[in-house]
Each structure stands twice: as structure tokens, then as C-alpha cells.
């Protein structure tokens, strides 16, 4: 019907198998980070107290909203939690902002 719309439709239909694979892999990785945040940081702070909060705070981290709050939440905790929280946040930000969102 419209030539430009058919180009878009054909492009999306050709790319859909790869797009589904990409979305499946990134969503599994995202939910693995959320589960890890729940298990490790759940007893220490309310931001990761349940799975929904973990998903929300990780989404906020992707958008750059709550980075300082997450760092401050684990400042006065156990030293191992302090180090792991830095590793967790840095690896999540590196993986999702620099790698996944720039594909």
C-alpha cells in the first residue's frame, strides 16, 4: 500500500528472529542481575527487599537515576558487601549501558 511502510514491515519481519533472540538473552541477563541483587542485598537495604524492587532499581540504574543512592546505601555496611556492591553496580552499568543499549 505505502512503499515506505512496506520497507519497514519487510525489515522488521526479516530481523524478528534475531530480535527475539536478543531480547530473550538480555532479559534473562537482566532478571539474573535482579535476582542476584535480591539475594545478596535484600537483607541489607529496602531497595532490593523484593524482586519487584530489584527490577525497578536496576531499571533506574540503566537510566542513570539511582546510581548515587545505591552507592550510598551500602557505604556503612560490611566491607565485603561494600566491595561487592561496587562490583555489582559497575558490571551492571558497563554491561547494560555500554554494551546492550549501544548494539
PDB file of N, CA and C in Angstrom:
ATOM      1  N   UNK A   1       0.828  -1.180   0.000  1.00  0.00           N
ATOM      2  CA  UNK A   1       0.000   0.000   0.000  1.00  0.00           C
ATOM      3  C   UNK A   1       0.873   1.245   0.000  1.00  0.00           C
ATOM      4  N   UNK A   2       1.603   1.501   1.060  1.00  0.00           N
ATOM      5  CA  UNK A   2       2.591   2.569   1.096  1.00  0.00           C
ATOM      6  C   UNK A   2       3.970   1.953   0.935  1.00  0.00           C
ATOM      7  N   UNK A   3       4.753   2.514   0.024  1.00  0.00           N
ATOM      8  CA  UNK A   3       6.055   1.928  -0.253  1.00  0.00           C
ATOM      9  C   UNK A   3       6.989   2.005   0.950  1.00  0.00           C
ATOM     10  N   UNK A   4       7.014   3.135   1.668  1.00  0.00           N
ATOM     11  CA  UNK A   4       7.909   3.268   2.825  1.00  0.00           C
ATOM     12  C   UNK A   4       7.473   2.361   3.976  1.00  0.00           C
ATOM     13  N   UNK A   5       6.182   2.181   4.149  1.00  0.00           N
ATOM     14  CA  UNK A   5       5.692   1.305   5.200  1.00  0.00           C
ATOM     15  C   UNK A   5       6.020  -0.151   4.896  1.00  0.00           C
ATOM     16  N   UNK A   6       5.997  -0.533   3.639  1.00  0.00           N
ATOM     17  CA  UNK A   6       6.333  -1.914   3.294  1.00  0.00           C
ATOM     18  C   UNK A   6       7.813  -2.187   3.524  1.00  0.00           C
ATOM     19  N   UNK A   7       8.673  -1.191   3.339  1.00  0.00           N
ATOM     20  CA  UNK A   7      10.094  -1.373   3.625  1.00  0.00           C
ATOM     21  C   UNK A   7      10.291  -1.615   5.112  1.00  0.00           C
ATOM     22  N   UNK A   8       9.609  -0.865   5.936  1.00  0.00           N
ATOM     23  CA  UNK A   8       9.698  -1.047   7.386  1.00  0.00           C
ATOM     24  C   UNK A   8       9.161  -2.413   7.805  1.00  0.00           C
ATOM     25  N   UNK A   9       8.054  -2.811   7.260  1.00  0.00           N
ATOM     26  CA  UNK A   9       7.455  -4.102   7.585  1.00  0.00           C
ATOM     27  C   UNK A   9       8.354  -5.259   7.161  1.00  0.00           C
ATOM     28  N   UNK A  10       8.918  -5.184   5.960  1.00  0.00           N
ATOM     29  CA  UNK A  10       9.816  -6.242   5.499  1.00  0.00           C
ATOM     30  C   UNK A  10      11.091  -6.303   6.343  1.00  0.00           C
ATOM     31  N   UNK A  11      11.598  -5.142   6.730  1.00  0.00           N
ATOM     32  CA  UNK A  11      12.805  -5.104   7.564  1.00  0.00           C
ATOM     33  C   UNK A  11      12.545  -5.722   8.925  1.00  0.00           C
ATOM     34  N   UNK A  12      11.436  -5.372   9.547  1.00  0.00           N
ATOM     35  CA  UNK A  12      11.093  -5.939  10.856  1.00  0.00           C
ATOM     36  C   UNK A  12      10.822  -7.435  10.771  1.00  0.00           C
ATOM     37  N   UNK A  13      10.185  -7.887   9.720  1.00  0.00           N
ATOM     38  CA  UNK A  13       9.922  -9.320   9.596  1.00  0.00           C
ATOM     39  C   UNK A  13      11.210 -10.094   9.331  1.00  0.00           C
ATOM     40  N   UNK A  14      12.144  -9.513   8.616  1.00  0.00           N
ATOM     41  CA  UNK A  14      13.422 -10.199   8.377  1.00  0.00           C
ATOM     42  C   UNK A  14      14.285 -10.222   9.636  1.00  0.00           C
ATOM     43  N   UNK A  15      14.190  -9.177  10.457  1.00  0.00           N
ATOM     44  CA  UNK A  15      15.023  -9.082  11.658  1.00  0.00           C
ATOM     45  C   UNK A  15      14.372  -9.704  12.888  1.00  0.00           C
ATOM     46  N   UNK A  16      13.135 -10.106  12.818  1.00  0.00           N
ATOM     47  CA  UNK A  16      12.424 -10.574  14.011  1.00  0.00           C
ATOM     48  C   UNK A  16      13.047 -11.806  14.678  1.00  0.00           C
ATOM     49  N   UNK A  17      13.566 -12.804  13.959  1.00  0.00           N
ATOM     50  CA  UNK A  17      14.187 -13.931  14.697  1.00  0.00           C
ATOM     51  C   UNK A  17      15.404 -13.497  15.518  1.00  0.00           C
ATOM     52  N   UNK A  18      16.238 -12.662  14.952  1.00  0.00           N
ATOM     53  CA  UNK A  18      17.405 -12.184  15.689  1.00  0.00           C
ATOM     54  C   UNK A  18      17.004 -11.246  16.828  1.00  0.00           C
ATOM     55  N   UNK A  19      15.973 -10.466  16.615  1.00  0.00           N
ATOM     56  CA  UNK A  19      15.487  -9.561  17.658  1.00  0.00           C
ATOM     57  C   UNK A  19      14.920 -10.340  18.834  1.00  0.00           C
ATOM     58  N   UNK A  20      14.219 -11.406  18.568  1.00  0.00           N
ATOM     59  CA  UNK A  20      13.672 -12.245  19.646  1.00  0.00           C
ATOM     60  C   UNK A  20      14.796 -12.898  20.440  1.00  0.00           C
ATOM     61  N   UNK A  21      15.827 -13.380  19.751  1.00  0.00           N
ATOM     62  CA  UNK A  21      16.984 -13.957  20.444  1.00  0.00           C
ATOM     63  C   UNK A  21      17.673 -12.925  21.329  1.00  0.00           C
ATOM     64  N   UNK A  22      17.857 -11.724  20.799  1.00  0.00           N
ATOM     65  CA  UNK A  22      18.495 -10.651  21.556  1.00  0.00           C
ATOM     66  C   UNK A  22      17.678 -10.290  22.797  1.00  0.00           C
ATOM     67  N   UNK A  23      16.375 -10.143  22.630  1.00  0.00           N
ATOM     68  CA  UNK A  23      15.515  -9.788  23.762  1.00  0.00           C
ATOM     69  C   UNK A  23      15.479 -10.899  24.806  1.00  0.00           C
ATOM     70  N   UNK A  24      15.475 -12.133  24.381  1.00  0.00           N
ATOM     71  CA  UNK A  24      15.478 -13.248  25.310  1.00  0.00           C
ATOM     72  C   UNK A  24      16.778 -13.283  26.124  1.00  0.00           C
ATOM     73  N   UNK A  25      17.890 -13.142  25.458  1.00  0.00           N
ATOM     74  CA  UNK A  25      19.179 -13.183  26.164  1.00  0.00           C
ATOM     75  C   UNK A  25      19.343 -12.003  27.118  1.00  0.00           C
ATOM     76  N   UNK A  26      19.002 -10.800  26.683  1.00  0.00           N
ATOM     77  CA  UNK A  26      19.165  -9.637  27.557  1.00  0.00           C
ATOM     78  C   UNK A  26      18.169  -9.663  28.709  1.00  0.00           C
ATOM     79  N   UNK A  27      16.959 -10.155  28.479  1.00  0.00           N
ATOM     80  CA  UNK A  27      16.006 -10.217  29.591  1.00  0.00           C
ATOM     81  C   UNK A  27      16.420 -11.267  30.618  1.00  0.00           C
ATOM     82  N   UNK A  28      16.980 -12.385  30.162  1.00  0.00           N
ATOM     83  CA  UNK A  28      17.493 -13.381  31.106  1.00  0.00           C
ATOM     84  C   UNK A  28      18.643 -12.813  31.929  1.00  0.00           C
ATOM     85  N   UNK A  29      19.530 -12.087  31.294  1.00  0.00           N
ATOM     86  CA  UNK A  29      20.643 -11.470  31.997  1.00  0.00           C
ATOM     87  C   UNK A  29      20.163 -10.396  32.969  1.00  0.00           C
ATOM     88  N   UNK A  30      19.180  -9.611  32.554  1.00  0.00           N
ATOM     89  CA  UNK A  30      18.617  -8.564  33.406  1.00  0.00           C
ATOM     90  C   UNK A  30      17.961  -9.168  34.657  1.00  0.00           C
ATOM     91  N   UNK A  31      17.166 -10.208  34.460  1.00  0.00           N
ATOM     92  CA  UNK A  31      16.497 -10.828  35.597  1.00  0.00           C
ATOM     93  C   UNK A  31      17.478 -11.594  36.483  1.00  0.00           C
ATOM     94  N   UNK A  32      18.577 -12.074  35.910  1.00  0.00           N
ATOM     95  CA  UNK A  32      19.621 -12.696  36.731  1.00  0.00           C
ATOM     96  C   UNK A  32      20.276 -11.656  37.636  1.00  0.00           C
ATOM     97  N   UNK A  33      20.527 -10.458  37.113  1.00  0.00           N
ATOM     98  CA  UNK A  33      21.058  -9.383  37.947  1.00  0.00           C
ATOM     99  C   UNK A  33      20.053  -8.990  39.028  1.00  0.00           C
ATOM    100  N   UNK A  34      18.771  -8.948  38.676  1.00  0.00           N
ATOM    101  CA  UNK A  34      17.749  -8.597  39.671  1.00  0.00           C
ATOM    102  C   UNK A  34      17.674  -9.652  40.769  1.00  0.00           C
ATOM    103  N   UNK A  35      17.752 -10.910  40.407  1.00  0.00           N
ATOM    104  CA  UNK A  35      17.734 -11.981  41.399  1.00  0.00           C
ATOM    105  C   UNK A  35      18.979 -11.940  42.274  1.00  0.00           C
ATOM    106  N   UNK A  36      20.119 -11.687  41.677  1.00  0.00           N
ATOM    107  CA  UNK A  36      21.357 -11.578  42.446  1.00  0.00           C
ATOM    108  C   UNK A  36      21.277 -10.407  43.426  1.00  0.00           C
ATOM    109  N   UNK A  37      20.737  -9.266  42.976  1.00  0.00           N
ATOM    110  CA  UNK A  37      20.560  -8.135  43.873  1.00  0.00           C
ATOM    111  C   UNK A  37      19.625  -8.457  45.019  1.00  0.00           C
ATOM    112  N   UNK A  38      18.565  -9.186  44.740  1.00  0.00           N
ATOM    113  CA  UNK A  38      17.621  -9.594  45.777  1.00  0.00           C
ATOM    114  C   UNK A  38      18.287 -10.501  46.803  1.00  0.00           C
ATOM    115  N   UNK A  39      19.019 -11.491  46.338  1.00  0.00           N
ATOM    116  CA  UNK A  39      19.622 -12.468  47.246  1.00  0.00           C
ATOM    117  C   UNK A  39      20.746 -11.848  48.073  1.00  0.00           C
ATOM    118  N   UNK A  40      21.606 -11.074  47.438  1.00  0.00           N
ATOM    119  CA  UNK A  40      22.777 -10.544  48.137  1.00  0.00           C
ATOM    120  C   UNK A  40      22.450  -9.297  48.956  1.00  0.00           C
ATOM    121  N   UNK A  41      21.713  -8.352  48.357  1.00  0.00           N
ATOM    122  CA  UNK A  41      21.492  -7.067  49.016  1.00  0.00           C
ATOM    123  C   UNK A  41      20.147  -6.952  49.718  1.00  0.00           C
ATOM    124  N   UNK A  42      19.254  -7.903  49.507  1.00  0.00           N
ATOM    125  CA  UNK A  42      17.932  -7.852  50.116  1.00  0.00           C
ATOM    126  C   UNK A  42      17.935  -7.718  51.624  1.00  0.00           C
ATOM    127  N   UNK A  43      18.775  -8.466  52.348  1.00  0.00           N
ATOM    128  CA  UNK A  43      18.784  -8.326  53.807  1.00  0.00           C
ATOM    129  C   UNK A  43      19.370  -7.004  54.308  1.00  0.00           C
ATOM    130  N   UNK A  44      20.059  -6.276  53.438  1.00  0.00           N
ATOM    131  CA  UNK A  44      20.766  -5.076  53.876  1.00  0.00           C
ATOM    132  C   UNK A  44      20.044  -3.774  53.574  1.00  0.00           C
ATOM    133  N   UNK A  45      19.202  -3.751  52.549  1.00  0.00           N
ATOM    134  CA  UNK A  45      18.549  -2.491  52.187  1.00  0.00           C
ATOM    135  C   UNK A  45      17.193  -2.759  51.547  1.00  0.00           C
ATOM    136  N   UNK A  46      16.288  -1.814  51.714  1.00  0.00           N
ATOM    137  CA  UNK A  46      14.927  -1.972  51.201  1.00  0.00           C
ATOM    138  C   UNK A  46      14.845  -1.849  49.682  1.00  0.00           C
ATOM    139  N   UNK A  47      15.841  -1.234  49.058  1.00  0.00           N
ATOM    140  CA  UNK A  47      15.821  -1.109  47.597  1.00  0.00           C
ATOM    141  C   UNK A  47      15.797  -2.466  46.909  1.00  0.00           C
ATOM    142  N   UNK A  48      16.405  -3.459  47.525  1.00  0.00           N
ATOM    143  CA  UNK A  48      16.456  -4.807  46.959  1.00  0.00           C
ATOM    144  C   UNK A  48      15.676  -5.803  47.818  1.00  0.00           C
ATOM    145  N   UNK A  49      14.679  -5.333  48.555  1.00  0.00           N
ATOM    146  CA  UNK A  49      13.984  -6.195  49.505  1.00  0.00           C
ATOM    147  C   UNK A  49      13.072  -7.230  48.854  1.00  0.00           C
ATOM    148  N   UNK A  50      12.580  -6.963  47.656  1.00  0.00           N
ATOM    149  CA  UNK A  50      11.810  -7.977  46.929  1.00  0.00           C
ATOM    150  C   UNK A  50      12.166  -7.899  45.444  1.00  0.00           C
ATOM    151  N   UNK A  51      11.676  -8.847  44.675  1.00  0.00           N
ATOM    152  CA  UNK A  51      12.080  -8.944  43.276  1.00  0.00           C
ATOM    153  C   UNK A  51      11.614  -7.736  42.468  1.00  0.00           C
ATOM    154  N   UNK A  52      10.435  -7.238  42.754  1.00  0.00           N
ATOM    155  CA  UNK A  52       9.925  -6.067  42.047  1.00  0.00           C
ATOM    156  C   UNK A  52      10.774  -4.836  42.286  1.00  0.00           C
ATOM    157  N   UNK A  53      11.175  -4.633  43.531  1.00  0.00           N
ATOM    158  CA  UNK A  53      12.051  -3.503  43.834  1.00  0.00           C
ATOM    159  C   UNK A  53      13.403  -3.655  43.148  1.00  0.00           C
ATOM    160  N   UNK A  54      13.916  -4.868  43.082  1.00  0.00           N
ATOM    161  CA  UNK A  54      15.197  -5.099  42.408  1.00  0.00           C
ATOM    162  C   UNK A  54      15.107  -4.760  40.927  1.00  0.00           C
ATOM    163  N   UNK A  55      14.020  -5.185  40.291  1.00  0.00           N
ATOM    164  CA  UNK A  55      13.824  -4.876  38.875  1.00  0.00           C
ATOM    165  C   UNK A  55      13.711  -3.368  38.669  1.00  0.00           C
ATOM    166  N   UNK A  56      12.971  -2.700  39.533  1.00  0.00           N
ATOM    167  CA  UNK A  56      12.795  -1.250  39.404  1.00  0.00           C
ATOM    168  C   UNK A  56      14.092  -0.492  39.619  1.00  0.00           C
ATOM    169  N   UNK A  57      14.874  -0.868  40.611  1.00  0.00           N
ATOM    170  CA  UNK A  57      16.102  -0.140  40.885  1.00  0.00           C
ATOM    171  C   UNK A  57      17.126  -0.377  39.775  1.00  0.00           C
ATOM    172  N   UNK A  58      17.132  -1.568  39.185  1.00  0.00           N
ATOM    173  CA  UNK A  58      18.030  -1.816  38.061  1.00  0.00           C
ATOM    174  C   UNK A  58      17.598  -1.032  36.828  1.00  0.00           C
ATOM    175  N   UNK A  59      16.305  -0.886  36.619  1.00  0.00           N
ATOM    176  CA  UNK A  59      15.824  -0.049  35.520  1.00  0.00           C
ATOM    177  C   UNK A  59      16.220   1.401  35.744  1.00  0.00           C
ATOM    178  N   UNK A  60      16.139   1.858  36.985  1.00  0.00           N
ATOM    179  CA  UNK A  60      16.575   3.215  37.297  1.00  0.00           C
ATOM    180  C   UNK A  60      18.082   3.370  37.086  1.00  0.00           C
ATOM    181  N   UNK A  61      18.851   2.332  37.392  1.00  0.00           N
ATOM    182  CA  UNK A  61      20.293   2.385  37.147  1.00  0.00           C
ATOM    183  C   UNK A  61      20.606   2.486  35.656  1.00  0.00           C
ATOM    184  N   UNK A  62      19.853   1.782  34.836  1.00  0.00           N
ATOM    185  CA  UNK A  62      20.057   1.884  33.385  1.00  0.00           C
ATOM    186  C   UNK A  62      19.821   3.311  32.922  1.00  0.00           C
ATOM    187  N   UNK A  63      18.835   3.965  33.491  1.00  0.00           N
ATOM    188  CA  UNK A  63      18.526   5.346  33.117  1.00  0.00           C
ATOM    189  C   UNK A  63      19.407   6.367  33.823  1.00  0.00           C
ATOM    190  N   UNK A  64      20.249   5.913  34.739  1.00  0.00           N
ATOM    191  CA  UNK A  64      21.166   6.816  35.423  1.00  0.00           C
ATOM    192  C   UNK A  64      20.558   7.555  36.589  1.00  0.00           C
ATOM    193  N   UNK A  65      19.430   7.093  37.105  1.00  0.00           N
ATOM    194  CA  UNK A  65      18.721   7.816  38.151  1.00  0.00           C
ATOM    195  C   UNK A  65      19.246   7.554  39.554  1.00  0.00           C
ATOM    196  N   UNK A  66      19.503   6.340  39.904  1.00  0.00           N
ATOM    197  CA  UNK A  66      19.727   5.979  41.306  1.00  0.00           C
ATOM    198  C   UNK A  66      21.137   5.483  41.596  1.00  0.00           C
ATOM    199  N   UNK A  67      22.092   5.859  40.795  1.00  0.00           N
ATOM    200  CA  UNK A  67      23.448   5.345  40.986  1.00  0.00           C
ATOM    201  C   UNK A  67      23.998   5.798  42.340  1.00  0.00           C
ATOM    202  N   UNK A  68      23.875   7.055  42.632  1.00  0.00           N
ATOM    203  CA  UNK A  68      24.392   7.580  43.895  1.00  0.00           C
ATOM    204  C   UNK A  68      23.666   6.959  45.084  1.00  0.00           C
ATOM    205  N   UNK A  69      22.355   6.771  44.983  1.00  0.00           N
ATOM    206  CA  UNK A  69      21.591   6.173  46.081  1.00  0.00           C
ATOM    207  C   UNK A  69      22.027   4.736  46.363  1.00  0.00           C
ATOM    208  N   UNK A  70      22.300   3.977  45.320  1.00  0.00           N
ATOM    209  CA  UNK A  70      22.747   2.599  45.524  1.00  0.00           C
ATOM    210  C   UNK A  70      24.127   2.586  46.161  1.00  0.00           C
ATOM    211  N   UNK A  71      25.007   3.463  45.718  1.00  0.00           N
ATOM    212  CA  UNK A  71      26.334   3.530  46.334  1.00  0.00           C
ATOM    213  C   UNK A  71      26.248   3.942  47.797  1.00  0.00           C
ATOM    214  N   UNK A  72      25.409   4.887  48.113  1.00  0.00           N
ATOM    215  CA  UNK A  72      25.279   5.368  49.492  1.00  0.00           C
ATOM    216  C   UNK A  72      24.573   4.350  50.391  1.00  0.00           C
ATOM    217  N   UNK A  73      23.737   3.515  49.822  1.00  0.00           N
ATOM    218  CA  UNK A  73      23.003   2.540  50.640  1.00  0.00           C
ATOM    219  C   UNK A  73      23.931   1.512  51.268  1.00  0.00           C
ATOM    220  N   UNK A  74      25.062   1.264  50.644  1.00  0.00           N
ATOM    221  CA  UNK A  74      25.963   0.223  51.135  1.00  0.00           C
ATOM    222  C   UNK A  74      27.294   0.774  51.623  1.00  0.00           C
ATOM    223  N   UNK A  75      27.346   2.042  51.964  1.00  0.00           N
ATOM    224  CA  UNK A  75      28.591   2.628  52.454  1.00  0.00           C
ATOM    225  C   UNK A  75      28.970   2.139  53.842  1.00  0.00           C
ATOM    226  N   UNK A  76      28.027   2.085  54.758  1.00  0.00           N
ATOM    227  CA  UNK A  76      28.344   1.759  56.146  1.00  0.00           C
ATOM    228  C   UNK A  76      28.111   0.292  56.483  1.00  0.00           C
ATOM    229  N   UNK A  77      27.992  -0.537  55.498  1.00  0.00           N
ATOM    230  CA  UNK A  77      27.726  -1.964  55.719  1.00  0.00           C
ATOM    231  C   UNK A  77      29.027  -2.739  55.882  1.00  0.00           C
ATOM    232  N   UNK A  78      28.899  -4.016  55.881  1.00  0.00           N
ATOM    233  CA  UNK A  78      30.042  -4.922  55.916  1.00  0.00           C
ATOM    234  C   UNK A  78      30.970  -4.624  54.727  1.00  0.00           C
ATOM    235  N   UNK A  79      32.270  -4.767  54.946  1.00  0.00           N
ATOM    236  CA  UNK A  79      33.243  -4.438  53.905  1.00  0.00           C
ATOM    237  C   UNK A  79      33.056  -5.316  52.665  1.00  0.00           C
ATOM    238  N   UNK A  80      32.731  -6.584  52.834  1.00  0.00           N
ATOM    239  CA  UNK A  80      32.515  -7.472  51.688  1.00  0.00           C
ATOM    240  C   UNK A  80      31.304  -7.027  50.869  1.00  0.00           C
ATOM    241  N   UNK A  81      30.246  -6.612  51.537  1.00  0.00           N
ATOM    242  CA  UNK A  81      29.064  -6.103  50.837  1.00  0.00           C
ATOM    243  C   UNK A  81      29.401  -4.799  50.122  1.00  0.00           C
ATOM    244  N   UNK A  82      30.196  -3.967  50.756  1.00  0.00           N
ATOM    245  CA  UNK A  82      30.634  -2.706  50.145  1.00  0.00           C
ATOM    246  C   UNK A  82      31.377  -2.965  48.836  1.00  0.00           C
ATOM    247  N   UNK A  83      32.334  -3.882  48.857  1.00  0.00           N
ATOM    248  CA  UNK A  83      33.120  -4.197  47.655  1.00  0.00           C
ATOM    249  C   UNK A  83      32.242  -4.855  46.595  1.00  0.00           C
ATOM    250  N   UNK A  84      31.404  -5.814  47.024  1.00  0.00           N
ATOM    251  CA  UNK A  84      30.553  -6.495  46.052  1.00  0.00           C
ATOM    252  C   UNK A  84      29.523  -5.547  45.454  1.00  0.00           C
ATOM    253  N   UNK A  85      29.014  -4.600  46.225  1.00  0.00           N
ATOM    254  CA  UNK A  85      28.043  -3.646  45.680  1.00  0.00           C
ATOM    255  C   UNK A  85      28.674  -2.789  44.597  1.00  0.00           C
ATOM    256  N   UNK A  86      29.937  -2.401  44.787  1.00  0.00           N
ATOM    257  CA  UNK A  86      30.633  -1.631  43.746  1.00  0.00           C
ATOM    258  C   UNK A  86      30.809  -2.467  42.485  1.00  0.00           C
ATOM    259  N   UNK A  87      31.248  -3.714  42.681  1.00  0.00           N
ATOM    260  CA  UNK A  87      31.417  -4.605  41.536  1.00  0.00           C
ATOM    261  C   UNK A  87      30.082  -4.845  40.829  1.00  0.00           C
ATOM    262  N   UNK A  88      29.024  -5.056  41.588  1.00  0.00           N
ATOM    263  CA  UNK A  88      27.690  -5.319  41.033  1.00  0.00           C
ATOM    264  C   UNK A  88      27.214  -4.140  40.193  1.00  0.00           C
ATOM    265  N   UNK A  89      27.299  -2.934  40.754  1.00  0.00           N
ATOM    266  CA  UNK A  89      26.801  -1.756  40.045  1.00  0.00           C
ATOM    267  C   UNK A  89      27.661  -1.455  38.823  1.00  0.00           C
ATOM    268  N   UNK A  90      28.968  -1.500  38.967  1.00  0.00           N
ATOM    269  CA  UNK A  90      29.841  -1.213  37.827  1.00  0.00           C
ATOM    270  C   UNK A  90      29.669  -2.228  36.708  1.00  0.00           C
ATOM    271  N   UNK A  91      29.573  -3.497  37.045  1.00  0.00           N
ATOM    272  CA  UNK A  91      29.397  -4.502  35.998  1.00  0.00           C
ATOM    273  C   UNK A  91      28.028  -4.384  35.338  1.00  0.00           C
ATOM    274  N   UNK A  92      26.991  -4.089  36.122  1.00  0.00           N
ATOM    275  CA  UNK A  92      25.663  -3.916  35.534  1.00  0.00           C
ATOM    276  C   UNK A  92      25.631  -2.711  34.600  1.00  0.00           C
ATOM    277  N   UNK A  93      26.188  -1.596  35.054  1.00  0.00           N
ATOM    278  CA  UNK A  93      26.186  -0.387  34.219  1.00  0.00           C
ATOM    279  C   UNK A  93      27.009  -0.610  32.963  1.00  0.00           C
ATOM    280  N   UNK A  94      28.191  -1.198  33.121  1.00  0.00           N
ATOM    281  CA  UNK A  94      29.015  -1.452  31.946  1.00  0.00           C
ATOM    282  C   UNK A  94      28.304  -2.357  30.960  1.00  0.00           C
ATOM    283  N   UNK A  95      27.725  -3.429  31.455  1.00  0.00           N
ATOM    284  CA  UNK A  95      27.091  -4.397  30.568  1.00  0.00           C
ATOM    285  C   UNK A  95      25.862  -3.828  29.883  1.00  0.00           C
ATOM    286  N   UNK A  96      24.990  -3.169  30.627  1.00  0.00           N
ATOM    287  CA  UNK A  96      23.727  -2.747  30.037  1.00  0.00           C
ATOM    288  C   UNK A  96      23.792  -1.385  29.355  1.00  0.00           C
ATOM    289  N   UNK A  97      24.504  -0.444  29.910  1.00  0.00           N
ATOM    290  CA  UNK A  97      24.539   0.875  29.266  1.00  0.00           C
ATOM    291  C   UNK A  97      25.530   0.884  28.121  1.00  0.00           C
ATOM    292  N   UNK A  98      26.714   0.387  28.331  1.00  0.00           N
ATOM    293  CA  UNK A  98      27.744   0.479  27.316  1.00  0.00           C
ATOM    294  C   UNK A  98      27.669  -0.642  26.281  1.00  0.00           C
ATOM    295  N   UNK A  99      27.208  -1.789  26.649  1.00  0.00           N
ATOM    296  CA  UNK A  99      27.187  -2.907  25.712  1.00  0.00           C
ATOM    297  C   UNK A  99      25.812  -3.136  25.101  1.00  0.00           C
ATOM    298  N   UNK A 100      24.796  -3.380  25.923  1.00  0.00           N
ATOM    299  CA  UNK A 100      23.489  -3.769  25.405  1.00  0.00           C
ATOM    300  C   UNK A 100      22.762  -2.602  24.727  1.00  0.00           C
ATOM    301  N   UNK A 101      22.737  -1.453  25.361  1.00  0.00           N
ATOM    302  CA  UNK A 101      21.985  -0.334  24.792  1.00  0.00           C
ATOM    303  C   UNK A 101      22.649   0.280  23.570  1.00  0.00           C
ATOM    304  N   UNK A 102      23.929  -0.012  23.347  1.00  0.00           N
ATOM    305  CA  UNK A 102      24.622   0.542  22.198  1.00  0.00           C
ATOM    306  C   UNK A 102      24.724  -0.436  21.034  1.00  0.00           C
ATOM    307  N   UNK A 103      24.038  -1.559  21.115  1.00  0.00           N
ATOM    308  CA  UNK A 103      24.063  -2.509  19.987  1.00  0.00           C
ATOM    309  C   UNK A 103      23.177  -2.039  18.870  1.00  0.00           C
TER     310      UNK A 103
END
